[in-house]
Amino acid sequence: MASTTNDIGAYVYVSYPRTADIKFNTEYYINKHCALVDKHWKAFGLKSCTVVQFAEDDPSGIHTQAILLWDSVEQFDKAIGANIPELMQDLPNYSNVTPIFYHAKVLRLA
């Protein structure tokens, strides 16, 4: 049964743009960085983390994206606001591109 209430949750999209000189270590990101995300952000309410990689010619201009499911955007704001050094300082270990964050309220989940 599909849920259509307004309190389903929120998705946060962590998008790494495809640049001419992008370096992105997918294996490290999935196996190490995502483990750090789970370790630190589950306590703030992170429900799941899905990682997708876009085709080189995809019109979105995105290389890789993490899709984080939360009960609310406010939970994510608290997690990111905690500025956890182990997590925030990990970027150079897997990419030379700064991610762009988007968020959206879930309206329907089937």
PDB file of N, CA and C in Angstrom:
ATOM      1  N   MET A   1       0.834  -1.175   0.000  1.00  0.00           N
ATOM      2  CA  MET A   1       0.000   0.000   0.000  1.00  0.00           C
ATOM      3  C   MET A   1       0.883   1.244   0.000  1.00  0.00           C
ATOM      4  N   ALA A   2       0.580   2.180  -0.826  1.00  0.00           N
ATOM      5  CA  ALA A   2       1.357   3.408  -0.923  1.00  0.00           C
ATOM      6  C   ALA A   2       0.954   4.366   0.183  1.00  0.00           C
ATOM      7  N   SER A   3       1.952   5.028   0.727  1.00  0.00           N
ATOM      8  CA  SER A   3       1.692   6.038   1.746  1.00  0.00           C
ATOM      9  C   SER A   3       1.706   7.407   1.088  1.00  0.00           C
ATOM     10  N   THR A   4       0.747   8.242   1.438  1.00  0.00           N
ATOM     11  CA  THR A   4       0.687   9.573   0.834  1.00  0.00           C
ATOM     12  C   THR A   4       0.570  10.673   1.882  1.00  0.00           C
ATOM     13  N   THR A   5       0.925  10.384   3.127  1.00  0.00           N
ATOM     14  CA  THR A   5       0.873  11.429   4.141  1.00  0.00           C
ATOM     15  C   THR A   5       2.052  12.374   3.956  1.00  0.00           C
ATOM     16  N   ASN A   6       2.027  13.479   4.656  1.00  0.00           N
ATOM     17  CA  ASN A   6       3.106  14.456   4.543  1.00  0.00           C
ATOM     18  C   ASN A   6       4.253  14.193   5.506  1.00  0.00           C
ATOM     19  N   ASP A   7       4.186  13.145   6.307  1.00  0.00           N
ATOM     20  CA  ASP A   7       5.227  12.869   7.284  1.00  0.00           C
ATOM     21  C   ASP A   7       5.998  11.596   6.955  1.00  0.00           C
ATOM     22  N   ILE A   8       6.229  11.365   5.686  1.00  0.00           N
ATOM     23  CA  ILE A   8       6.909  10.149   5.250  1.00  0.00           C
ATOM     24  C   ILE A   8       8.412  10.261   5.471  1.00  0.00           C
ATOM     25  N   GLY A   9       8.965  11.420   5.231  1.00  0.00           N
ATOM     26  CA  GLY A   9      10.397  11.604   5.386  1.00  0.00           C
ATOM     27  C   GLY A   9      10.937  12.613   4.406  1.00  0.00           C
ATOM     28  N   ALA A  10      12.256  12.603   4.290  1.00  0.00           N
ATOM     29  CA  ALA A  10      12.932  13.531   3.392  1.00  0.00           C
ATOM     30  C   ALA A  10      14.147  12.844   2.788  1.00  0.00           C
ATOM     31  N   TYR A  11      14.417  13.163   1.545  1.00  0.00           N
ATOM     32  CA  TYR A  11      15.628  12.697   0.886  1.00  0.00           C
ATOM     33  C   TYR A  11      16.613  13.847   0.816  1.00  0.00           C
ATOM     34  N   VAL A  12      17.868  13.534   1.073  1.00  0.00           N
ATOM     35  CA  VAL A  12      18.950  14.484   0.857  1.00  0.00           C
ATOM     36  C   VAL A  12      19.826  13.878  -0.226  1.00  0.00           C
ATOM     37  N   TYR A  13      20.095  14.665  -1.252  1.00  0.00           N
ATOM     38  CA  TYR A  13      20.903  14.225  -2.383  1.00  0.00           C
ATOM     39  C   TYR A  13      22.273  14.883  -2.272  1.00  0.00           C
ATOM     40  N   VAL A  14      23.308  14.072  -2.191  1.00  0.00           N
ATOM     41  CA  VAL A  14      24.676  14.562  -2.135  1.00  0.00           C
ATOM     42  C   VAL A  14      25.264  14.279  -3.511  1.00  0.00           C
ATOM     43  N   SER A  15      25.360  15.331  -4.323  1.00  0.00           N
ATOM     44  CA  SER A  15      25.702  15.172  -5.739  1.00  0.00           C
ATOM     45  C   SER A  15      27.112  15.665  -6.022  1.00  0.00           C
ATOM     46  N   TYR A  16      27.877  14.823  -6.693  1.00  0.00           N
ATOM     47  CA  TYR A  16      29.237  15.166  -7.094  1.00  0.00           C
ATOM     48  C   TYR A  16      29.214  15.472  -8.588  1.00  0.00           C
ATOM     49  N   PRO A  17      29.368  16.748  -8.959  1.00  0.00           N
ATOM     50  CA  PRO A  17      29.289  17.125 -10.370  1.00  0.00           C
ATOM     51  C   PRO A  17      30.430  16.506 -11.182  1.00  0.00           C
ATOM     52  N   ARG A  18      30.124  16.201 -12.424  1.00  0.00           N
ATOM     53  CA  ARG A  18      31.142  15.697 -13.345  1.00  0.00           C
ATOM     54  C   ARG A  18      31.907  16.909 -13.878  1.00  0.00           C
ATOM     55  N   THR A  19      33.177  16.983 -13.561  1.00  0.00           N
ATOM     56  CA  THR A  19      34.026  18.059 -14.063  1.00  0.00           C
ATOM     57  C   THR A  19      35.065  17.452 -15.001  1.00  0.00           C
ATOM     58  N   ALA A  20      35.734  18.312 -15.754  1.00  0.00           N
ATOM     59  CA  ALA A  20      36.731  17.831 -16.716  1.00  0.00           C
ATOM     60  C   ALA A  20      37.867  17.082 -16.023  1.00  0.00           C
ATOM     61  N   ASP A  21      38.196  17.481 -14.804  1.00  0.00           N
ATOM     62  CA  ASP A  21      39.329  16.868 -14.103  1.00  0.00           C
ATOM     63  C   ASP A  21      38.906  16.062 -12.869  1.00  0.00           C
ATOM     64  N   ILE A  22      37.669  15.566 -12.860  1.00  0.00           N
ATOM     65  CA  ILE A  22      37.178  14.856 -11.671  1.00  0.00           C
ATOM     66  C   ILE A  22      38.008  13.614 -11.365  1.00  0.00           C
ATOM     67  N   LYS A  23      38.275  13.468 -10.087  1.00  0.00           N
ATOM     68  CA  LYS A  23      38.861  12.236  -9.563  1.00  0.00           C
ATOM     69  C   LYS A  23      37.860  11.747  -8.525  1.00  0.00           C
ATOM     70  N   PHE A  24      37.416  10.517  -8.664  1.00  0.00           N
ATOM     71  CA  PHE A  24      36.441   9.965  -7.729  1.00  0.00           C
ATOM     72  C   PHE A  24      36.736   8.489  -7.537  1.00  0.00           C
ATOM     73  N   ASN A  25      37.107   8.127  -6.319  1.00  0.00           N
ATOM     74  CA  ASN A  25      37.414   6.739  -5.980  1.00  0.00           C
ATOM     75  C   ASN A  25      36.131   6.086  -5.469  1.00  0.00           C
ATOM     76  N   THR A  26      35.402   5.464  -6.371  1.00  0.00           N
ATOM     77  CA  THR A  26      34.103   4.877  -6.046  1.00  0.00           C
ATOM     78  C   THR A  26      34.226   3.785  -4.988  1.00  0.00           C
ATOM     79  N   GLU A  27      35.230   2.951  -5.103  1.00  0.00           N
ATOM     80  CA  GLU A  27      35.410   1.862  -4.140  1.00  0.00           C
ATOM     81  C   GLU A  27      35.608   2.418  -2.730  1.00  0.00           C
ATOM     82  N   TYR A  28      36.469   3.431  -2.601  1.00  0.00           N
ATOM     83  CA  TYR A  28      36.693   4.042  -1.289  1.00  0.00           C
ATOM     84  C   TYR A  28      35.402   4.670  -0.779  1.00  0.00           C
ATOM     85  N   TYR A  29      34.708   5.384  -1.649  1.00  0.00           N
ATOM     86  CA  TYR A  29      33.476   6.075  -1.251  1.00  0.00           C
ATOM     87  C   TYR A  29      32.454   5.092  -0.687  1.00  0.00           C
ATOM     88  N   ILE A  30      32.241   4.002  -1.408  1.00  0.00           N
ATOM     89  CA  ILE A  30      31.238   3.018  -0.990  1.00  0.00           C
ATOM     90  C   ILE A  30      31.678   2.262   0.265  1.00  0.00           C
ATOM     91  N   ASN A  31      32.928   1.827   0.297  1.00  0.00           N
ATOM     92  CA  ASN A  31      33.381   0.958   1.385  1.00  0.00           C
ATOM     93  C   ASN A  31      33.866   1.686   2.633  1.00  0.00           C
ATOM     94  N   LYS A  32      34.385   2.887   2.481  1.00  0.00           N
ATOM     95  CA  LYS A  32      34.948   3.605   3.631  1.00  0.00           C
ATOM     96  C   LYS A  32      34.097   4.814   4.025  1.00  0.00           C
ATOM     97  N   HIS A  33      33.868   5.730   3.067  1.00  0.00           N
ATOM     98  CA  HIS A  33      33.154   6.961   3.416  1.00  0.00           C
ATOM     99  C   HIS A  33      31.719   6.668   3.851  1.00  0.00           C
ATOM    100  N   CYS A  34      31.042   5.807   3.138  1.00  0.00           N
ATOM    101  CA  CYS A  34      29.656   5.477   3.515  1.00  0.00           C
ATOM    102  C   CYS A  34      29.599   4.814   4.887  1.00  0.00           C
ATOM    103  N   ALA A  35      30.635   4.062   5.245  1.00  0.00           N
ATOM    104  CA  ALA A  35      30.695   3.472   6.587  1.00  0.00           C
ATOM    105  C   ALA A  35      30.818   4.570   7.646  1.00  0.00           C
ATOM    106  N   LEU A  36      31.576   5.625   7.326  1.00  0.00           N
ATOM    107  CA  LEU A  36      31.683   6.761   8.252  1.00  0.00           C
ATOM    108  C   LEU A  36      30.351   7.495   8.370  1.00  0.00           C
ATOM    109  N   VAL A  37      29.669   7.651   7.244  1.00  0.00           N
ATOM    110  CA  VAL A  37      28.347   8.286   7.253  1.00  0.00           C
ATOM    111  C   VAL A  37      27.414   7.498   8.168  1.00  0.00           C
ATOM    112  N   ASP A  38      27.372   6.190   7.988  1.00  0.00           N
ATOM    113  CA  ASP A  38      26.529   5.343   8.842  1.00  0.00           C
ATOM    114  C   ASP A  38      26.929   5.470  10.315  1.00  0.00           C
ATOM    115  N   LYS A  39      28.220   5.389  10.569  1.00  0.00           N
ATOM    116  CA  LYS A  39      28.740   5.433  11.939  1.00  0.00           C
ATOM    117  C   LYS A  39      28.297   6.700  12.673  1.00  0.00           C
ATOM    118  N   HIS A  40      28.383   7.832  11.993  1.00  0.00           N
ATOM    119  CA  HIS A  40      28.122   9.107  12.661  1.00  0.00           C
ATOM    120  C   HIS A  40      26.692   9.624  12.505  1.00  0.00           C
ATOM    121  N   TRP A  41      26.051   9.336  11.394  1.00  0.00           N
ATOM    122  CA  TRP A  41      24.756   9.970  11.128  1.00  0.00           C
ATOM    123  C   TRP A  41      23.548   9.112  11.482  1.00  0.00           C
ATOM    124  N   LYS A  42      23.736   7.817  11.693  1.00  0.00           N
ATOM    125  CA  LYS A  42      22.599   6.982  12.130  1.00  0.00           C
ATOM    126  C   LYS A  42      22.041   7.521  13.449  1.00  0.00           C
ATOM    127  N   ALA A  43      22.920   8.018  14.312  1.00  0.00           N
ATOM    128  CA  ALA A  43      22.493   8.567  15.605  1.00  0.00           C
ATOM    129  C   ALA A  43      21.612   9.808  15.443  1.00  0.00           C
ATOM    130  N   PHE A  44      21.727  10.482  14.295  1.00  0.00           N
ATOM    131  CA  PHE A  44      20.911  11.665  14.018  1.00  0.00           C
ATOM    132  C   PHE A  44      19.616  11.306  13.287  1.00  0.00           C
ATOM    133  N   GLY A  45      19.465  10.024  12.928  1.00  0.00           N
ATOM    134  CA  GLY A  45      18.229   9.584  12.289  1.00  0.00           C
ATOM    135  C   GLY A  45      18.351   9.139  10.845  1.00  0.00           C
ATOM    136  N   LEU A  46      19.566   9.020  10.318  1.00  0.00           N
ATOM    137  CA  LEU A  46      19.731   8.521   8.949  1.00  0.00           C
ATOM    138  C   LEU A  46      19.121   7.130   8.850  1.00  0.00           C
ATOM    139  N   LYS A  47      18.242   6.941   7.865  1.00  0.00           N
ATOM    140  CA  LYS A  47      17.559   5.655   7.696  1.00  0.00           C
ATOM    141  C   LYS A  47      18.238   4.781   6.648  1.00  0.00           C
ATOM    142  N   SER A  48      18.700   5.395   5.573  1.00  0.00           N
ATOM    143  CA  SER A  48      19.368   4.619   4.525  1.00  0.00           C
ATOM    144  C   SER A  48      20.228   5.532   3.666  1.00  0.00           C
ATOM    145  N   CYS A  49      21.167   4.906   2.987  1.00  0.00           N
ATOM    146  CA  CYS A  49      22.048   5.620   2.061  1.00  0.00           C
ATOM    147  C   CYS A  49      22.199   4.763   0.806  1.00  0.00           C
ATOM    148  N   THR A  50      21.787   5.318  -0.317  1.00  0.00           N
ATOM    149  CA  THR A  50      21.907   4.649  -1.609  1.00  0.00           C
ATOM    150  C   THR A  50      22.894   5.451  -2.451  1.00  0.00           C
ATOM    151  N   VAL A  51      23.815   4.774  -3.120  1.00  0.00           N
ATOM    152  CA  VAL A  51      24.788   5.458  -3.969  1.00  0.00           C
ATOM    153  C   VAL A  51      24.544   5.053  -5.411  1.00  0.00           C
ATOM    154  N   VAL A  52      24.461   6.063  -6.284  1.00  0.00           N
ATOM    155  CA  VAL A  52      24.268   5.815  -7.713  1.00  0.00           C
ATOM    156  C   VAL A  52      25.354   6.544  -8.496  1.00  0.00           C
ATOM    157  N   GLN A  53      25.713   5.965  -9.640  1.00  0.00           N
ATOM    158  CA  GLN A  53      26.693   6.601 -10.519  1.00  0.00           C
ATOM    159  C   GLN A  53      26.051   6.802 -11.882  1.00  0.00           C
ATOM    160  N   PHE A  54      26.207   7.995 -12.418  1.00  0.00           N
ATOM    161  CA  PHE A  54      25.581   8.365 -13.677  1.00  0.00           C
ATOM    162  C   PHE A  54      26.492   8.044 -14.858  1.00  0.00           C
ATOM    163  N   ALA A  55      25.888   7.793 -16.006  1.00  0.00           N
ATOM    164  CA  ALA A  55      26.650   7.545 -17.231  1.00  0.00           C
ATOM    165  C   ALA A  55      27.439   8.801 -17.593  1.00  0.00           C
ATOM    166  N   GLU A  56      28.558   8.593 -18.248  1.00  0.00           N
ATOM    167  CA  GLU A  56      29.426   9.709 -18.607  1.00  0.00           C
ATOM    168  C   GLU A  56      28.709  10.769 -19.438  1.00  0.00           C
ATOM    169  N   ASP A  57      27.768  10.358 -20.269  1.00  0.00           N
ATOM    170  CA  ASP A  57      27.066  11.312 -21.134  1.00  0.00           C
ATOM    171  C   ASP A  57      25.705  11.734 -20.570  1.00  0.00           C
ATOM    172  N   ASP A  58      25.452  11.452 -19.296  1.00  0.00           N
ATOM    173  CA  ASP A  58      24.168  11.814 -18.692  1.00  0.00           C
ATOM    174  C   ASP A  58      24.005  13.337 -18.682  1.00  0.00           C
ATOM    175  N   PRO A  59      22.850  13.839 -19.094  1.00  0.00           N
ATOM    176  CA  PRO A  59      22.651  15.293 -19.181  1.00  0.00           C
ATOM    177  C   PRO A  59      22.596  16.007 -17.829  1.00  0.00           C
ATOM    178  N   SER A  60      22.503  15.272 -16.731  1.00  0.00           N
ATOM    179  CA  SER A  60      22.440  15.916 -15.411  1.00  0.00           C
ATOM    180  C   SER A  60      23.750  16.588 -15.033  1.00  0.00           C
ATOM    181  N   GLY A  61      24.848  16.103 -15.611  1.00  0.00           N
ATOM    182  CA  GLY A  61      26.153  16.636 -15.240  1.00  0.00           C
ATOM    183  C   GLY A  61      26.662  16.093 -13.911  1.00  0.00           C
ATOM    184  N   ILE A  62      25.995  15.072 -13.397  1.00  0.00           N
ATOM    185  CA  ILE A  62      26.391  14.477 -12.118  1.00  0.00           C
ATOM    186  C   ILE A  62      27.217  13.220 -12.372  1.00  0.00           C
ATOM    187  N   HIS A  63      28.278  13.058 -11.603  1.00  0.00           N
ATOM    188  CA  HIS A  63      29.118  11.866 -11.681  1.00  0.00           C
ATOM    189  C   HIS A  63      28.571  10.782 -10.748  1.00  0.00           C
ATOM    190  N   THR A  64      28.483  11.112  -9.465  1.00  0.00           N
ATOM    191  CA  THR A  64      28.019  10.177  -8.441  1.00  0.00           C
ATOM    192  C   THR A  64      27.091  10.923  -7.495  1.00  0.00           C
ATOM    193  N   GLN A  65      26.129  10.192  -6.947  1.00  0.00           N
ATOM    194  CA  GLN A  65      25.181  10.811  -6.022  1.00  0.00           C
ATOM    195  C   GLN A  65      24.846   9.828  -4.902  1.00  0.00           C
ATOM    196  N   ALA A  66      24.844  10.343  -3.683  1.00  0.00           N
ATOM    197  CA  ALA A  66      24.351   9.580  -2.537  1.00  0.00           C
ATOM    198  C   ALA A  66      22.955  10.097  -2.228  1.00  0.00           C
ATOM    199  N   ILE A  67      22.034   9.181  -2.014  1.00  0.00           N
ATOM    200  CA  ILE A  67      20.647   9.528  -1.712  1.00  0.00           C
ATOM    201  C   ILE A  67      20.386   9.063  -0.283  1.00  0.00           C
ATOM    202  N   LEU A  68      20.226  10.025   0.609  1.00  0.00           N
ATOM    203  CA  LEU A  68      20.074   9.743   2.033  1.00  0.00           C
ATOM    204  C   LEU A  68      18.619   9.910   2.440  1.00  0.00           C
ATOM    205  N   LEU A  69      18.066   8.910   3.101  1.00  0.00           N
ATOM    206  CA  LEU A  69      16.688   8.987   3.578  1.00  0.00           C
ATOM    207  C   LEU A  69      16.686   9.296   5.072  1.00  0.00           C
ATOM    208  N   TRP A  70      15.924  10.327   5.429  1.00  0.00           N
ATOM    209  CA  TRP A  70      15.765  10.788   6.808  1.00  0.00           C
ATOM    210  C   TRP A  70      14.278  10.897   7.108  1.00  0.00           C
ATOM    211  N   ASP A  71      13.936  11.012   8.391  1.00  0.00           N
ATOM    212  CA  ASP A  71      12.551  11.300   8.753  1.00  0.00           C
ATOM    213  C   ASP A  71      12.212  12.752   8.432  1.00  0.00           C
ATOM    214  N   SER A  72      13.230  13.626   8.481  1.00  0.00           N
ATOM    215  CA  SER A  72      13.008  15.044   8.196  1.00  0.00           C
ATOM    216  C   SER A  72      14.312  15.695   7.762  1.00  0.00           C
ATOM    217  N   VAL A  73      14.211  16.804   7.057  1.00  0.00           N
ATOM    218  CA  VAL A  73      15.393  17.568   6.662  1.00  0.00           C
ATOM    219  C   VAL A  73      16.092  18.110   7.906  1.00  0.00           C
ATOM    220  N   GLU A  74      15.325  18.398   8.941  1.00  0.00           N
ATOM    221  CA  GLU A  74      15.900  18.918  10.183  1.00  0.00           C
ATOM    222  C   GLU A  74      16.901  17.932  10.795  1.00  0.00           C
ATOM    223  N   GLN A  75      16.632  16.642  10.660  1.00  0.00           N
ATOM    224  CA  GLN A  75      17.588  15.644  11.156  1.00  0.00           C
ATOM    225  C   GLN A  75      18.913  15.768  10.411  1.00  0.00           C
ATOM    226  N   PHE A  76      18.833  15.906   9.090  1.00  0.00           N
ATOM    227  CA  PHE A  76      20.055  16.081   8.303  1.00  0.00           C
ATOM    228  C   PHE A  76      20.770  17.360   8.715  1.00  0.00           C
ATOM    229  N   ASP A  77      20.020  18.446   8.891  1.00  0.00           N
ATOM    230  CA  ASP A  77      20.625  19.718   9.295  1.00  0.00           C
ATOM    231  C   ASP A  77      21.400  19.566  10.603  1.00  0.00           C
ATOM    232  N   LYS A  78      20.858  18.806  11.536  1.00  0.00           N
ATOM    233  CA  LYS A  78      21.552  18.566  12.808  1.00  0.00           C
ATOM    234  C   LYS A  78      22.816  17.742  12.584  1.00  0.00           C
ATOM    235  N   ALA A  79      22.727  16.741  11.729  1.00  0.00           N
ATOM    236  CA  ALA A  79      23.888  15.885  11.453  1.00  0.00           C
ATOM    237  C   ALA A  79      25.006  16.685  10.795  1.00  0.00           C
ATOM    238  N   ILE A  80      24.674  17.445   9.768  1.00  0.00           N
ATOM    239  CA  ILE A  80      25.692  18.227   9.059  1.00  0.00           C
ATOM    240  C   ILE A  80      26.210  19.345   9.960  1.00  0.00           C
ATOM    241  N   GLY A  81      25.327  19.880  10.807  1.00  0.00           N
ATOM    242  CA  GLY A  81      25.710  20.936  11.734  1.00  0.00           C
ATOM    243  C   GLY A  81      26.661  20.473  12.820  1.00  0.00           C
ATOM    244  N   ALA A  82      26.678  19.183  13.088  1.00  0.00           N
ATOM    245  CA  ALA A  82      27.590  18.635  14.096  1.00  0.00           C
ATOM    246  C   ALA A  82      29.043  18.734  13.637  1.00  0.00           C
ATOM    247  N   ASN A  83      29.246  18.903  12.326  1.00  0.00           N
ATOM    248  CA  ASN A  83      30.574  19.112  11.750  1.00  0.00           C
ATOM    249  C   ASN A  83      31.589  18.097  12.292  1.00  0.00           C
ATOM    250  N   ILE A  84      31.294  16.838  12.143  1.00  0.00           N
ATOM    251  CA  ILE A  84      32.126  15.751  12.659  1.00  0.00           C
ATOM    252  C   ILE A  84      33.414  15.672  11.835  1.00  0.00           C
ATOM    253  N   PRO A  85      34.568  15.979  12.458  1.00  0.00           N
ATOM    254  CA  PRO A  85      35.825  16.058  11.706  1.00  0.00           C
ATOM    255  C   PRO A  85      36.146  14.810  10.893  1.00  0.00           C
ATOM    256  N   GLU A  86      35.980  13.625  11.474  1.00  0.00           N
ATOM    257  CA  GLU A  86      36.313  12.383  10.762  1.00  0.00           C
ATOM    258  C   GLU A  86      35.552  12.281   9.445  1.00  0.00           C
ATOM    259  N   LEU A  87      34.338  12.758   9.444  1.00  0.00           N
ATOM    260  CA  LEU A  87      33.487  12.694   8.254  1.00  0.00           C
ATOM    261  C   LEU A  87      33.779  13.848   7.297  1.00  0.00           C
ATOM    262  N   MET A  88      33.843  15.053   7.834  1.00  0.00           N
ATOM    263  CA  MET A  88      34.009  16.248   7.006  1.00  0.00           C
ATOM    264  C   MET A  88      35.390  16.318   6.349  1.00  0.00           C
ATOM    265  N   GLN A  89      36.387  15.754   6.981  1.00  0.00           N
ATOM    266  CA  GLN A  89      37.749  15.817   6.446  1.00  0.00           C
ATOM    267  C   GLN A  89      38.096  14.638   5.540  1.00  0.00           C
ATOM    268  N   ASP A  90      37.121  13.797   5.241  1.00  0.00           N
ATOM    269  CA  ASP A  90      37.376  12.592   4.447  1.00  0.00           C
ATOM    270  C   ASP A  90      37.342  12.855   2.944  1.00  0.00           C
ATOM    271  N   LEU A  91      36.759  13.948   2.503  1.00  0.00           N
ATOM    272  CA  LEU A  91      36.586  14.233   1.071  1.00  0.00           C
ATOM    273  C   LEU A  91      37.856  14.028   0.240  1.00  0.00           C
ATOM    274  N   PRO A  92      39.014  14.563   0.631  1.00  0.00           N
ATOM    275  CA  PRO A  92      40.210  14.377  -0.202  1.00  0.00           C
ATOM    276  C   PRO A  92      40.613  12.918  -0.396  1.00  0.00           C
ATOM    277  N   ASN A  93      40.106  12.032   0.442  1.00  0.00           N
ATOM    278  CA  ASN A  93      40.433  10.612   0.306  1.00  0.00           C
ATOM    279  C   ASN A  93      39.704   9.940  -0.852  1.00  0.00           C
ATOM    280  N   TYR A  94      38.652  10.577  -1.368  1.00  0.00           N
ATOM    281  CA  TYR A  94      37.917   9.938  -2.460  1.00  0.00           C
ATOM    282  C   TYR A  94      37.595  10.855  -3.634  1.00  0.00           C
ATOM    283  N   SER A  95      37.699  12.177  -3.470  1.00  0.00           N
ATOM    284  CA  SER A  95      37.357  13.043  -4.601  1.00  0.00           C
ATOM    285  C   SER A  95      38.025  14.405  -4.501  1.00  0.00           C
ATOM    286  N   ASN A  96      38.176  15.029  -5.661  1.00  0.00           N
ATOM    287  CA  ASN A  96      38.675  16.398  -5.729  1.00  0.00           C
ATOM    288  C   ASN A  96      37.537  17.373  -6.050  1.00  0.00           C
ATOM    289  N   VAL A  97      36.303  16.899  -5.991  1.00  0.00           N
ATOM    290  CA  VAL A  97      35.129  17.712  -6.312  1.00  0.00           C
ATOM    291  C   VAL A  97      34.267  17.869  -5.057  1.00  0.00           C
ATOM    292  N   THR A  98      33.888  19.101  -4.761  1.00  0.00           N
ATOM    293  CA  THR A  98      33.019  19.375  -3.613  1.00  0.00           C
ATOM    294  C   THR A  98      31.581  19.019  -3.968  1.00  0.00           C
ATOM    295  N   PRO A  99      30.899  18.283  -3.096  1.00  0.00           N
ATOM    296  CA  PRO A  99      29.516  17.899  -3.398  1.00  0.00           C
ATOM    297  C   PRO A  99      28.547  19.072  -3.264  1.00  0.00           C
ATOM    298  N   ILE A 100      27.438  18.931  -3.961  1.00  0.00           N
ATOM    299  CA  ILE A 100      26.328  19.874  -3.878  1.00  0.00           C
ATOM    300  C   ILE A 100      25.188  19.130  -3.192  1.00  0.00           C
ATOM    301  N   PHE A 101      24.553  19.779  -2.230  1.00  0.00           N
ATOM    302  CA  PHE A 101      23.479  19.157  -1.455  1.00  0.00           C
ATOM    303  C   PHE A 101      22.124  19.698  -1.890  1.00  0.00           C
ATOM    304  N   TYR A 102      21.181  18.782  -2.090  1.00  0.00           N
ATOM    305  CA  TYR A 102      19.788  19.119  -2.368  1.00  0.00           C
ATOM    306  C   TYR A 102      18.938  18.321  -1.392  1.00  0.00           C
ATOM    307  N   HIS A 103      17.767  18.829  -1.067  1.00  0.00           N
ATOM    308  CA  HIS A 103      16.867  18.030  -0.241  1.00  0.00           C
ATOM    309  C   HIS A 103      15.441  18.194  -0.727  1.00  0.00           C
ATOM    310  N   ALA A 104      14.642  17.168  -0.445  1.00  0.00           N
ATOM    311  CA  ALA A 104      13.247  17.163  -0.887  1.00  0.00           C
ATOM    312  C   ALA A 104      12.409  16.368   0.100  1.00  0.00           C
ATOM    313  N   LYS A 105      11.219  16.851   0.352  1.00  0.00           N
ATOM    314  CA  LYS A 105      10.270  16.166   1.220  1.00  0.00           C
ATOM    315  C   LYS A 105       9.601  15.049   0.423  1.00  0.00           C
ATOM    316  N   VAL A 106       9.484  13.875   1.019  1.00  0.00           N
ATOM    317  CA  VAL A 106       8.828  12.749   0.359  1.00  0.00           C
ATOM    318  C   VAL A 106       7.316  12.958   0.435  1.00  0.00           C
ATOM    319  N   LEU A 107       6.662  12.930  -0.715  1.00  0.00           N
ATOM    320  CA  LEU A 107       5.212  13.101  -0.778  1.00  0.00           C
ATOM    321  C   LEU A 107       4.476  11.785  -0.942  1.00  0.00           C
ATOM    322  N   ARG A 108       5.139  10.817  -1.580  1.00  0.00           N
ATOM    323  CA  ARG A 108       4.517   9.511  -1.787  1.00  0.00           C
ATOM    324  C   ARG A 108       5.602   8.458  -1.779  1.00  0.00           C
ATOM    325  N   LEU A 109       5.362   7.384  -1.065  1.00  0.00           N
ATOM    326  CA  LEU A 109       6.292   6.267  -1.001  1.00  0.00           C
ATOM    327  C   LEU A 109       5.488   5.000  -1.229  1.00  0.00           C
ATOM    328  N   ALA A 110       5.827   4.262  -2.271  1.00  0.00           N
ATOM    329  CA  ALA A 110       5.062   3.057  -2.610  1.00  0.00           C
ATOM    330  C   ALA A 110       5.938   1.828  -2.475  1.00  0.00           C
TER     331      ALA A 110
END
